[in-house]
Amino acid sequence: MITAIREVRRARGLTLDDVARRCVPPTTAQTIGRLETGTRTVSVGWLNRIAKALGVEASDLVRVADRPEIPVAAVLDGGGAQAPRRDAMLTPVRAEPGTVAVSVAGGIGDYRTGDEIWCRRLDPDDFAAALNRDVLVPRPGGRFLFGRLIGREPGDRTPDGTGRLHLLPLGAGARQQVVADPAWIGCAVRLVRPL
């Protein structure tokens, strides 16, 4: 099996030892090195362990012929653009299951016309993970509210069954909105912006 473990590890700025320590249970840098170079066979179990340590999906570590890689030509930082120290490749991003998108038709807040905002769909038990993030909230009648989640009151677990999300819509002078008991929300996780 041809893997992209080395490329993903380098793109994340991690050493072999970093990945080895992040594995559950921890392993050695030599083992990770052997798995990267193919001198040791990569099982599905190892692929899953390494993917979790790198914070990616296991499928992101497998090279697929129809998924092109993009060579890194330069690295940009405060000092300007420089050639990378090592050859590196990036794999185009693909959406995770449960992803929903917001298409920006008119610039508002930090978003520009043409932007795509990818959101991870969250169930009520996970709403707290989206605090201080931009979220998409469904409302009755096929409407939605998009804004910064600034507060949350407990939901179904309270005696009266109320649960409220406090959102600050985008744009200057916007007033706080309160939405009661949404079935799900979409937490913004990726911005796709054409230049």
N, C-alpha and C. Protein backbone atom coordinates (compact mmCIF):
# COMPACT_ATOMS: atom_id res chain seq x y z
N MET A 1 0.85 -1.18 0.00
CA MET A 1 0.00 0.00 0.00
C MET A 1 0.89 1.24 0.00
N ILE A 2 0.61 2.16 -0.90
CA ILE A 2 1.37 3.40 -0.96
C ILE A 2 0.66 4.42 -0.08
N THR A 3 1.41 4.99 0.86
CA THR A 3 0.79 5.94 1.79
C THR A 3 1.40 7.33 1.64
N ALA A 4 0.70 8.29 2.21
CA ALA A 4 1.17 9.68 2.23
C ALA A 4 1.47 10.10 3.66
N ILE A 5 1.84 9.14 4.50
CA ILE A 5 2.09 9.45 5.92
C ILE A 5 3.17 10.52 6.05
N ARG A 6 4.27 10.35 5.34
CA ARG A 6 5.38 11.30 5.45
C ARG A 6 4.94 12.71 5.02
N GLU A 7 4.23 12.80 3.90
CA GLU A 7 3.82 14.11 3.39
C GLU A 7 2.87 14.81 4.36
N VAL A 8 1.93 14.06 4.90
CA VAL A 8 0.98 14.67 5.85
C VAL A 8 1.70 15.08 7.12
N ARG A 9 2.60 14.22 7.61
CA ARG A 9 3.36 14.53 8.84
C ARG A 9 4.17 15.81 8.64
N ARG A 10 4.86 15.90 7.51
CA ARG A 10 5.68 17.09 7.25
C ARG A 10 4.83 18.33 7.07
N ALA A 11 3.70 18.19 6.39
CA ALA A 11 2.80 19.33 6.19
C ALA A 11 2.28 19.86 7.51
N ARG A 12 2.16 18.99 8.51
CA ARG A 12 1.71 19.40 9.84
C ARG A 12 2.87 19.88 10.71
N GLY A 13 4.10 19.80 10.19
CA GLY A 13 5.27 20.26 10.94
C GLY A 13 5.65 19.36 12.10
N LEU A 14 5.38 18.07 11.98
CA LEU A 14 5.66 17.14 13.07
C LEU A 14 6.85 16.25 12.74
N THR A 15 7.57 15.85 13.78
CA THR A 15 8.68 14.92 13.62
C THR A 15 8.16 13.50 13.78
N LEU A 16 9.01 12.53 13.44
CA LEU A 16 8.64 11.13 13.64
C LEU A 16 8.32 10.88 15.11
N ASP A 17 9.13 11.48 15.99
CA ASP A 17 8.93 11.30 17.43
C ASP A 17 7.61 11.91 17.89
N ASP A 18 7.25 13.07 17.34
CA ASP A 18 5.96 13.70 17.69
C ASP A 18 4.80 12.76 17.39
N VAL A 19 4.82 12.17 16.19
CA VAL A 19 3.74 11.27 15.79
C VAL A 19 3.75 10.02 16.65
N ALA A 20 4.93 9.48 16.92
CA ALA A 20 5.04 8.27 17.75
C ALA A 20 4.44 8.50 19.13
N ARG A 21 4.71 9.67 19.71
CA ARG A 21 4.17 9.97 21.06
C ARG A 21 2.68 10.22 21.04
N ARG A 22 2.14 10.73 19.92
CA ARG A 22 0.70 11.00 19.82
C ARG A 22 -0.13 9.74 19.58
N CYS A 23 0.52 8.67 19.12
CA CYS A 23 -0.20 7.42 18.87
C CYS A 23 -0.73 6.85 20.18
N VAL A 24 -1.86 6.17 20.11
CA VAL A 24 -2.45 5.52 21.28
C VAL A 24 -2.52 4.03 20.99
N PRO A 25 -1.76 3.20 21.70
CA PRO A 25 -0.71 3.55 22.65
C PRO A 25 0.52 4.09 21.92
N PRO A 26 1.38 4.83 22.65
CA PRO A 26 2.58 5.41 22.01
C PRO A 26 3.47 4.32 21.41
N THR A 27 4.22 4.71 20.40
CA THR A 27 5.15 3.79 19.75
C THR A 27 6.49 4.49 19.61
N THR A 28 7.37 3.98 18.75
CA THR A 28 8.68 4.59 18.59
C THR A 28 8.77 5.34 17.26
N ALA A 29 9.69 6.30 17.21
CA ALA A 29 9.92 7.05 15.98
C ALA A 29 10.39 6.12 14.86
N GLN A 30 11.18 5.09 15.22
CA GLN A 30 11.68 4.14 14.23
C GLN A 30 10.51 3.39 13.56
N THR A 31 9.52 3.01 14.35
CA THR A 31 8.36 2.30 13.79
C THR A 31 7.62 3.19 12.81
N ILE A 32 7.40 4.44 13.18
CA ILE A 32 6.72 5.38 12.28
C ILE A 32 7.54 5.55 11.00
N GLY A 33 8.85 5.67 11.13
CA GLY A 33 9.73 5.80 9.97
C GLY A 33 9.63 4.60 9.04
N ARG A 34 9.59 3.40 9.60
CA ARG A 34 9.47 2.18 8.78
C ARG A 34 8.12 2.13 8.08
N LEU A 35 7.08 2.56 8.75
CA LEU A 35 5.75 2.58 8.13
C LEU A 35 5.69 3.61 7.00
N GLU A 36 6.35 4.76 7.20
CA GLU A 36 6.38 5.80 6.17
C GLU A 36 7.09 5.33 4.92
N THR A 37 8.23 4.66 5.10
CA THR A 37 9.05 4.28 3.94
C THR A 37 8.61 2.98 3.30
N GLY A 38 7.71 2.26 3.95
CA GLY A 38 7.23 1.00 3.38
C GLY A 38 8.08 -0.19 3.73
N THR A 39 9.11 -0.02 4.60
CA THR A 39 9.90 -1.17 5.03
C THR A 39 9.13 -2.04 6.02
N ARG A 40 8.05 -1.52 6.53
CA ARG A 40 7.13 -2.30 7.36
C ARG A 40 5.74 -2.13 6.76
N THR A 41 4.99 -3.21 6.68
CA THR A 41 3.66 -3.18 6.08
C THR A 41 2.71 -2.36 6.94
N VAL A 42 1.94 -1.50 6.29
CA VAL A 42 0.97 -0.66 6.99
C VAL A 42 -0.37 -1.38 7.02
N SER A 43 -0.76 -1.83 8.19
CA SER A 43 -2.07 -2.47 8.34
C SER A 43 -3.14 -1.39 8.52
N VAL A 44 -4.39 -1.81 8.44
CA VAL A 44 -5.49 -0.87 8.66
C VAL A 44 -5.42 -0.32 10.08
N GLY A 45 -5.06 -1.17 11.04
CA GLY A 45 -4.93 -0.73 12.43
C GLY A 45 -3.89 0.37 12.58
N TRP A 46 -2.72 0.17 11.96
CA TRP A 46 -1.68 1.20 12.02
C TRP A 46 -2.13 2.46 11.31
N LEU A 47 -2.79 2.31 10.18
CA LEU A 47 -3.26 3.47 9.43
C LEU A 47 -4.21 4.31 10.28
N ASN A 48 -5.11 3.65 10.99
CA ASN A 48 -6.05 4.36 11.86
C ASN A 48 -5.34 5.04 13.02
N ARG A 49 -4.37 4.36 13.64
CA ARG A 49 -3.62 4.96 14.76
C ARG A 49 -2.87 6.20 14.32
N ILE A 50 -2.18 6.10 13.18
CA ILE A 50 -1.38 7.23 12.70
C ILE A 50 -2.29 8.38 12.26
N ALA A 51 -3.39 8.05 11.61
CA ALA A 51 -4.33 9.10 11.19
C ALA A 51 -4.84 9.88 12.40
N LYS A 52 -5.20 9.17 13.46
CA LYS A 52 -5.68 9.84 14.68
C LYS A 52 -4.58 10.73 15.27
N ALA A 53 -3.35 10.23 15.27
CA ALA A 53 -2.22 11.00 15.80
C ALA A 53 -1.97 12.27 14.98
N LEU A 54 -2.23 12.19 13.67
CA LEU A 54 -2.02 13.34 12.79
C LEU A 54 -3.25 14.25 12.69
N GLY A 55 -4.38 13.78 13.22
CA GLY A 55 -5.60 14.58 13.17
C GLY A 55 -6.24 14.61 11.80
N VAL A 56 -6.13 13.49 11.07
CA VAL A 56 -6.75 13.39 9.74
C VAL A 56 -7.53 12.09 9.66
N GLU A 57 -8.24 11.89 8.56
CA GLU A 57 -8.94 10.63 8.31
C GLU A 57 -7.93 9.63 7.73
N ALA A 58 -8.13 8.35 8.02
CA ALA A 58 -7.23 7.32 7.50
C ALA A 58 -7.16 7.37 5.98
N SER A 59 -8.27 7.69 5.32
CA SER A 59 -8.29 7.76 3.85
C SER A 59 -7.38 8.87 3.33
N ASP A 60 -7.08 9.88 4.16
CA ASP A 60 -6.17 10.95 3.74
C ASP A 60 -4.73 10.47 3.66
N LEU A 61 -4.44 9.31 4.26
CA LEU A 61 -3.08 8.79 4.27
C LEU A 61 -2.83 7.77 3.16
N VAL A 62 -3.85 7.46 2.39
CA VAL A 62 -3.73 6.49 1.31
C VAL A 62 -3.71 7.23 0.00
N ARG A 63 -2.74 6.94 -0.82
CA ARG A 63 -2.67 7.59 -2.13
C ARG A 63 -3.62 6.92 -3.09
N VAL A 64 -4.45 7.71 -3.69
CA VAL A 64 -5.40 7.22 -4.67
C VAL A 64 -5.06 7.86 -6.00
N ALA A 65 -5.08 7.07 -7.06
CA ALA A 65 -4.65 7.55 -8.37
C ALA A 65 -5.44 8.77 -8.86
N ASP A 66 -6.75 8.83 -8.58
CA ASP A 66 -7.56 9.93 -9.11
C ASP A 66 -7.59 11.15 -8.19
N ARG A 67 -6.79 11.16 -7.16
CA ARG A 67 -6.74 12.29 -6.25
C ARG A 67 -5.39 12.98 -6.40
N PRO A 68 -5.32 14.02 -7.21
CA PRO A 68 -4.02 14.64 -7.50
C PRO A 68 -3.41 15.31 -6.27
N GLU A 69 -2.09 15.32 -6.27
CA GLU A 69 -1.38 16.05 -5.22
C GLU A 69 -0.84 17.34 -5.82
N ILE A 70 -0.71 18.34 -4.98
CA ILE A 70 -0.25 19.66 -5.43
C ILE A 70 1.13 19.91 -4.83
N PRO A 71 2.15 20.13 -5.67
CA PRO A 71 3.48 20.38 -5.12
C PRO A 71 3.55 21.75 -4.43
N VAL A 72 4.22 21.80 -3.30
CA VAL A 72 4.42 23.06 -2.58
C VAL A 72 5.61 23.76 -3.21
N ALA A 73 5.38 24.91 -3.83
CA ALA A 73 6.43 25.65 -4.51
C ALA A 73 7.14 26.62 -3.57
N ALA A 74 6.40 27.14 -2.57
CA ALA A 74 6.98 28.12 -1.66
C ALA A 74 6.26 28.06 -0.31
N VAL A 75 6.97 28.53 0.71
CA VAL A 75 6.42 28.64 2.06
C VAL A 75 6.40 30.13 2.40
N LEU A 76 5.24 30.63 2.83
CA LEU A 76 5.07 32.05 3.10
C LEU A 76 4.98 32.29 4.59
N ASP A 77 5.75 33.24 5.09
CA ASP A 77 5.67 33.65 6.50
C ASP A 77 5.98 35.13 6.59
N GLY A 78 6.19 35.63 7.79
CA GLY A 78 6.44 37.06 8.00
C GLY A 78 7.66 37.59 7.26
N GLY A 79 8.59 36.71 6.93
CA GLY A 79 9.80 37.12 6.21
C GLY A 79 9.65 37.07 4.70
N GLY A 80 8.48 36.69 4.22
CA GLY A 80 8.25 36.59 2.78
C GLY A 80 8.11 35.16 2.33
N ALA A 81 8.24 34.95 1.01
CA ALA A 81 8.11 33.62 0.43
C ALA A 81 9.49 33.02 0.21
N GLN A 82 9.65 31.77 0.65
CA GLN A 82 10.91 31.06 0.48
C GLN A 82 10.62 29.68 -0.10
N ALA A 83 11.64 29.12 -0.74
CA ALA A 83 11.52 27.75 -1.23
C ALA A 83 11.42 26.81 -0.02
N PRO A 84 10.63 25.76 -0.12
CA PRO A 84 10.54 24.82 1.01
C PRO A 84 11.88 24.13 1.23
N ARG A 85 12.18 23.78 2.47
CA ARG A 85 13.43 23.09 2.79
C ARG A 85 13.45 21.68 2.24
N ARG A 86 12.27 21.06 2.16
CA ARG A 86 12.14 19.70 1.62
C ARG A 86 10.98 19.70 0.62
N ASP A 87 11.04 18.73 -0.29
CA ASP A 87 9.92 18.57 -1.21
C ASP A 87 8.67 18.24 -0.40
N ALA A 88 7.58 18.86 -0.74
CA ALA A 88 6.32 18.61 -0.04
C ALA A 88 5.18 18.64 -1.03
N MET A 89 4.16 17.89 -0.72
CA MET A 89 2.96 17.83 -1.56
C MET A 89 1.74 18.05 -0.66
N LEU A 90 0.72 18.67 -1.20
CA LEU A 90 -0.54 18.84 -0.49
C LEU A 90 -1.62 18.06 -1.23
N THR A 91 -2.50 17.46 -0.47
CA THR A 91 -3.63 16.75 -1.05
C THR A 91 -4.84 17.66 -0.97
N PRO A 92 -5.58 17.83 -2.05
CA PRO A 92 -6.77 18.68 -2.01
C PRO A 92 -7.74 18.23 -0.92
N VAL A 93 -8.38 19.18 -0.31
CA VAL A 93 -9.31 18.90 0.78
C VAL A 93 -10.58 18.27 0.24
N ARG A 94 -11.09 17.30 0.98
CA ARG A 94 -12.38 16.73 0.63
C ARG A 94 -13.27 16.84 1.85
N ALA A 95 -14.54 16.93 1.60
CA ALA A 95 -15.50 17.13 2.68
C ALA A 95 -15.69 15.86 3.49
N GLU A 96 -15.86 16.02 4.79
CA GLU A 96 -16.17 14.91 5.68
C GLU A 96 -17.68 14.65 5.62
N PRO A 97 -18.10 13.42 5.95
CA PRO A 97 -19.54 13.17 6.02
C PRO A 97 -20.21 14.12 7.01
N GLY A 98 -21.39 14.58 6.68
CA GLY A 98 -22.10 15.49 7.57
C GLY A 98 -21.78 16.96 7.34
N THR A 99 -20.93 17.25 6.37
CA THR A 99 -20.57 18.64 6.08
C THR A 99 -21.71 19.32 5.32
N VAL A 100 -22.03 20.55 5.72
CA VAL A 100 -22.98 21.38 4.98
C VAL A 100 -22.24 22.67 4.63
N ALA A 101 -22.71 23.37 3.62
CA ALA A 101 -22.00 24.56 3.17
C ALA A 101 -22.91 25.78 3.14
N VAL A 102 -22.28 26.94 3.27
CA VAL A 102 -22.95 28.23 3.11
C VAL A 102 -22.25 28.92 1.95
N SER A 103 -23.00 29.33 0.96
CA SER A 103 -22.46 30.04 -0.19
C SER A 103 -22.70 31.53 0.04
N VAL A 104 -21.64 32.33 -0.02
CA VAL A 104 -21.75 33.76 0.26
C VAL A 104 -22.05 34.50 -1.05
N ALA A 105 -23.26 35.07 -1.14
CA ALA A 105 -23.69 35.78 -2.35
C ALA A 105 -23.39 37.27 -2.27
N GLY A 106 -23.18 37.79 -1.06
CA GLY A 106 -22.86 39.20 -0.87
C GLY A 106 -21.98 39.35 0.36
N GLY A 107 -20.90 40.10 0.25
CA GLY A 107 -19.96 40.25 1.35
C GLY A 107 -20.61 40.75 2.63
N ILE A 108 -20.26 40.11 3.75
CA ILE A 108 -20.76 40.51 5.07
C ILE A 108 -19.75 40.04 6.12
N GLY A 109 -19.47 40.90 7.09
CA GLY A 109 -18.50 40.55 8.12
C GLY A 109 -17.14 40.26 7.48
N ASP A 110 -16.54 39.12 7.86
CA ASP A 110 -15.24 38.72 7.32
C ASP A 110 -15.35 37.98 6.00
N TYR A 111 -16.56 37.77 5.52
CA TYR A 111 -16.77 36.94 4.33
C TYR A 111 -17.00 37.80 3.09
N ARG A 112 -16.48 37.30 1.95
CA ARG A 112 -16.59 38.01 0.69
C ARG A 112 -17.50 37.27 -0.28
N THR A 113 -18.03 37.98 -1.25
CA THR A 113 -18.83 37.36 -2.30
C THR A 113 -18.03 36.25 -2.97
N GLY A 114 -18.65 35.09 -3.12
CA GLY A 114 -17.98 33.94 -3.75
C GLY A 114 -17.37 32.97 -2.75
N ASP A 115 -17.27 33.36 -1.49
CA ASP A 115 -16.72 32.45 -0.47
C ASP A 115 -17.66 31.26 -0.27
N GLU A 116 -17.07 30.15 0.14
CA GLU A 116 -17.83 28.99 0.58
C GLU A 116 -17.41 28.70 2.00
N ILE A 117 -18.37 28.56 2.88
CA ILE A 117 -18.09 28.26 4.29
C ILE A 117 -18.55 26.83 4.53
N TRP A 118 -17.60 25.95 4.83
CA TRP A 118 -17.93 24.56 5.10
C TRP A 118 -18.18 24.42 6.59
N CYS A 119 -19.28 23.79 6.95
CA CYS A 119 -19.68 23.64 8.35
C CYS A 119 -19.83 22.17 8.71
N ARG A 120 -19.33 21.82 9.89
CA ARG A 120 -19.52 20.47 10.43
C ARG A 120 -20.82 20.45 11.20
N ARG A 121 -21.69 19.55 10.84
CA ARG A 121 -23.00 19.46 11.48
C ARG A 121 -22.84 18.87 12.88
N LEU A 122 -23.41 19.58 13.88
CA LEU A 122 -23.33 19.15 15.28
C LEU A 122 -24.71 18.88 15.83
N ASP A 123 -24.82 17.85 16.66
CA ASP A 123 -26.05 17.55 17.38
C ASP A 123 -26.09 18.34 18.68
N PRO A 124 -27.25 18.48 19.31
CA PRO A 124 -27.37 19.31 20.52
C PRO A 124 -26.36 19.01 21.63
N ASP A 125 -25.99 17.76 21.82
CA ASP A 125 -25.01 17.44 22.87
C ASP A 125 -23.64 18.04 22.59
N ASP A 126 -23.36 18.42 21.34
CA ASP A 126 -22.05 18.94 20.96
C ASP A 126 -22.03 20.44 20.72
N PHE A 127 -23.14 21.13 20.99
CA PHE A 127 -23.22 22.58 20.71
C PHE A 127 -22.13 23.37 21.43
N ALA A 128 -21.75 22.96 22.63
CA ALA A 128 -20.75 23.72 23.40
C ALA A 128 -19.43 23.82 22.66
N ALA A 129 -19.12 22.86 21.80
CA ALA A 129 -17.86 22.88 21.04
C ALA A 129 -17.82 24.03 20.04
N ALA A 130 -18.96 24.63 19.75
CA ALA A 130 -19.03 25.69 18.75
C ALA A 130 -19.05 27.09 19.37
N LEU A 131 -18.94 27.20 20.68
CA LEU A 131 -18.95 28.52 21.31
C LEU A 131 -17.84 29.40 20.74
N ASN A 132 -18.17 30.65 20.48
CA ASN A 132 -17.26 31.65 19.91
C ASN A 132 -16.82 31.31 18.49
N ARG A 133 -17.61 30.51 17.78
CA ARG A 133 -17.36 30.17 16.39
C ARG A 133 -18.57 30.61 15.57
N ASP A 134 -18.38 30.79 14.28
CA ASP A 134 -19.50 31.09 13.39
C ASP A 134 -20.28 29.80 13.16
N VAL A 135 -21.61 29.91 13.24
CA VAL A 135 -22.47 28.73 13.09
C VAL A 135 -23.66 29.04 12.19
N LEU A 136 -24.18 27.99 11.56
CA LEU A 136 -25.40 28.04 10.79
C LEU A 136 -26.47 27.34 11.62
N VAL A 137 -27.59 28.02 11.87
CA VAL A 137 -28.65 27.47 12.71
C VAL A 137 -29.95 27.42 11.91
N PRO A 138 -30.54 26.21 11.78
CA PRO A 138 -31.82 26.12 11.08
C PRO A 138 -32.95 26.70 11.92
N ARG A 139 -33.90 27.32 11.25
CA ARG A 139 -35.06 27.89 11.94
C ARG A 139 -36.32 27.38 11.25
N PRO A 140 -37.47 27.53 11.85
CA PRO A 140 -38.72 27.05 11.23
C PRO A 140 -38.95 27.68 9.86
N GLY A 141 -39.67 26.95 9.02
CA GLY A 141 -40.05 27.48 7.71
C GLY A 141 -38.92 27.50 6.70
N GLY A 142 -37.88 26.68 6.89
CA GLY A 142 -36.79 26.63 5.93
C GLY A 142 -35.85 27.82 5.98
N ARG A 143 -35.91 28.59 7.05
CA ARG A 143 -35.01 29.74 7.21
C ARG A 143 -33.78 29.33 8.01
N PHE A 144 -32.75 30.17 7.97
CA PHE A 144 -31.52 29.92 8.71
C PHE A 144 -31.03 31.22 9.33
N LEU A 145 -30.21 31.08 10.33
CA LEU A 145 -29.50 32.20 10.95
C LEU A 145 -28.03 31.84 10.94
N PHE A 146 -27.17 32.77 10.51
CA PHE A 146 -25.73 32.54 10.50
C PHE A 146 -25.09 33.64 11.32
N GLY A 147 -24.28 33.27 12.29
CA GLY A 147 -23.61 34.26 13.13
C GLY A 147 -22.69 33.59 14.13
N ARG A 148 -22.14 34.40 15.02
CA ARG A 148 -21.22 33.92 16.04
C ARG A 148 -22.01 33.41 17.24
N LEU A 149 -21.76 32.17 17.65
CA LEU A 149 -22.41 31.59 18.83
C LEU A 149 -21.73 32.16 20.06
N ILE A 150 -22.43 33.02 20.80
CA ILE A 150 -21.83 33.71 21.95
C ILE A 150 -22.35 33.20 23.29
N GLY A 151 -23.37 32.37 23.27
CA GLY A 151 -23.89 31.85 24.53
C GLY A 151 -24.82 30.68 24.30
N ARG A 152 -24.94 29.85 25.33
CA ARG A 152 -25.78 28.66 25.23
C ARG A 152 -26.39 28.38 26.59
N GLU A 153 -27.68 28.14 26.58
CA GLU A 153 -28.37 27.71 27.79
C GLU A 153 -28.70 26.23 27.61
N PRO A 154 -28.65 25.44 28.68
CA PRO A 154 -28.92 24.00 28.55
C PRO A 154 -30.26 23.73 27.88
N GLY A 155 -30.32 22.58 27.21
CA GLY A 155 -31.52 22.23 26.45
C GLY A 155 -32.41 21.24 27.13
N ASP A 156 -32.67 20.15 26.47
CA ASP A 156 -33.67 19.17 26.87
C ASP A 156 -33.52 18.63 28.29
N ARG A 157 -32.38 18.82 28.89
CA ARG A 157 -32.16 18.25 30.22
C ARG A 157 -32.79 19.10 31.33
N THR A 158 -33.23 20.31 31.01
CA THR A 158 -33.84 21.17 32.03
C THR A 158 -35.30 20.78 32.22
N PRO A 159 -35.87 21.02 33.39
CA PRO A 159 -37.24 20.61 33.68
C PRO A 159 -38.27 21.17 32.70
N ASP A 160 -38.10 22.42 32.27
CA ASP A 160 -39.11 23.01 31.38
C ASP A 160 -38.83 22.73 29.90
N GLY A 161 -37.72 22.04 29.59
CA GLY A 161 -37.41 21.65 28.22
C GLY A 161 -36.87 22.76 27.35
N THR A 162 -36.57 23.93 27.92
CA THR A 162 -36.07 25.02 27.09
C THR A 162 -34.56 24.92 26.89
N GLY A 163 -34.14 25.32 25.74
CA GLY A 163 -32.72 25.42 25.43
C GLY A 163 -32.56 26.54 24.44
N ARG A 164 -31.61 27.41 24.67
CA ARG A 164 -31.48 28.58 23.80
C ARG A 164 -30.03 28.79 23.40
N LEU A 165 -29.87 29.20 22.14
CA LEU A 165 -28.57 29.60 21.63
C LEU A 165 -28.61 31.10 21.40
N HIS A 166 -27.56 31.77 21.82
CA HIS A 166 -27.44 33.22 21.64
C HIS A 166 -26.41 33.47 20.54
N LEU A 167 -26.87 34.13 19.47
CA LEU A 167 -26.01 34.39 18.33
C LEU A 167 -25.90 35.87 18.05
N LEU A 168 -24.72 36.26 17.60
CA LEU A 168 -24.49 37.62 17.16
C LEU A 168 -24.34 37.58 15.65
N PRO A 169 -25.36 38.03 14.90
CA PRO A 169 -25.29 37.99 13.44
C PRO A 169 -24.12 38.84 12.92
N LEU A 170 -23.68 38.54 11.71
CA LEU A 170 -22.57 39.26 11.10
C LEU A 170 -22.99 40.67 10.73
N GLY A 171 -22.03 41.56 10.62
CA GLY A 171 -22.32 42.92 10.18
C GLY A 171 -22.35 43.90 11.35
N ALA A 172 -22.03 45.12 11.05
CA ALA A 172 -21.99 46.17 12.08
C ALA A 172 -23.39 46.47 12.60
N GLY A 173 -23.50 46.67 13.88
CA GLY A 173 -24.76 47.06 14.51
C GLY A 173 -25.79 45.96 14.62
N ALA A 174 -25.42 44.72 14.35
CA ALA A 174 -26.38 43.61 14.43
C ALA A 174 -26.74 43.35 15.88
N ARG A 175 -27.99 43.00 16.11
CA ARG A 175 -28.47 42.72 17.47
C ARG A 175 -28.47 41.22 17.72
N GLN A 176 -28.21 40.88 18.94
CA GLN A 176 -28.19 39.48 19.34
C GLN A 176 -29.51 38.79 19.02
N GLN A 177 -29.43 37.55 18.53
CA GLN A 177 -30.60 36.74 18.23
C GLN A 177 -30.59 35.52 19.15
N VAL A 178 -31.77 35.07 19.54
CA VAL A 178 -31.90 33.89 20.39
C VAL A 178 -32.72 32.86 19.63
N VAL A 179 -32.20 31.63 19.54
CA VAL A 179 -32.89 30.55 18.86
C VAL A 179 -33.13 29.44 19.88
N ALA A 180 -34.37 28.98 19.97
CA ALA A 180 -34.72 27.94 20.94
C ALA A 180 -34.68 26.56 20.30
N ASP A 181 -34.04 25.65 20.99
CA ASP A 181 -34.01 24.22 20.66
C ASP A 181 -33.82 23.85 19.19
N PRO A 182 -32.74 24.30 18.53
CA PRO A 182 -32.53 23.82 17.16
C PRO A 182 -32.16 22.34 17.17
N ALA A 183 -32.57 21.61 16.14
CA ALA A 183 -32.28 20.18 16.05
C ALA A 183 -30.79 19.92 15.80
N TRP A 184 -30.11 20.86 15.15
CA TRP A 184 -28.69 20.74 14.84
C TRP A 184 -28.16 22.14 14.53
N ILE A 185 -26.84 22.28 14.52
CA ILE A 185 -26.21 23.49 14.02
C ILE A 185 -25.03 23.06 13.16
N GLY A 186 -24.58 23.97 12.31
CA GLY A 186 -23.38 23.72 11.51
C GLY A 186 -22.29 24.67 11.96
N CYS A 187 -21.19 24.12 12.47
CA CYS A 187 -20.07 24.93 12.96
C CYS A 187 -19.07 25.14 11.82
N ALA A 188 -18.76 26.40 11.50
CA ALA A 188 -17.84 26.73 10.42
C ALA A 188 -16.46 26.14 10.72
N VAL A 189 -15.94 25.34 9.78
CA VAL A 189 -14.63 24.71 9.98
C VAL A 189 -13.65 25.01 8.85
N ARG A 190 -14.14 25.46 7.69
CA ARG A 190 -13.25 25.73 6.57
C ARG A 190 -13.82 26.82 5.69
N LEU A 191 -12.94 27.72 5.25
CA LEU A 191 -13.32 28.78 4.33
C LEU A 191 -12.65 28.51 3.00
N VAL A 192 -13.43 28.41 1.95
CA VAL A 192 -12.91 28.23 0.60
C VAL A 192 -13.14 29.55 -0.13
N ARG A 193 -12.04 30.20 -0.50
CA ARG A 193 -12.13 31.54 -1.08
C ARG A 193 -11.38 31.61 -2.41
N PRO A 194 -12.10 31.87 -3.49
CA PRO A 194 -11.41 32.06 -4.76
C PRO A 194 -10.68 33.41 -4.74
N LEU A 195 -9.54 33.46 -5.39
CA LEU A 195 -8.78 34.71 -5.43
C LEU A 195 -8.98 35.41 -6.74
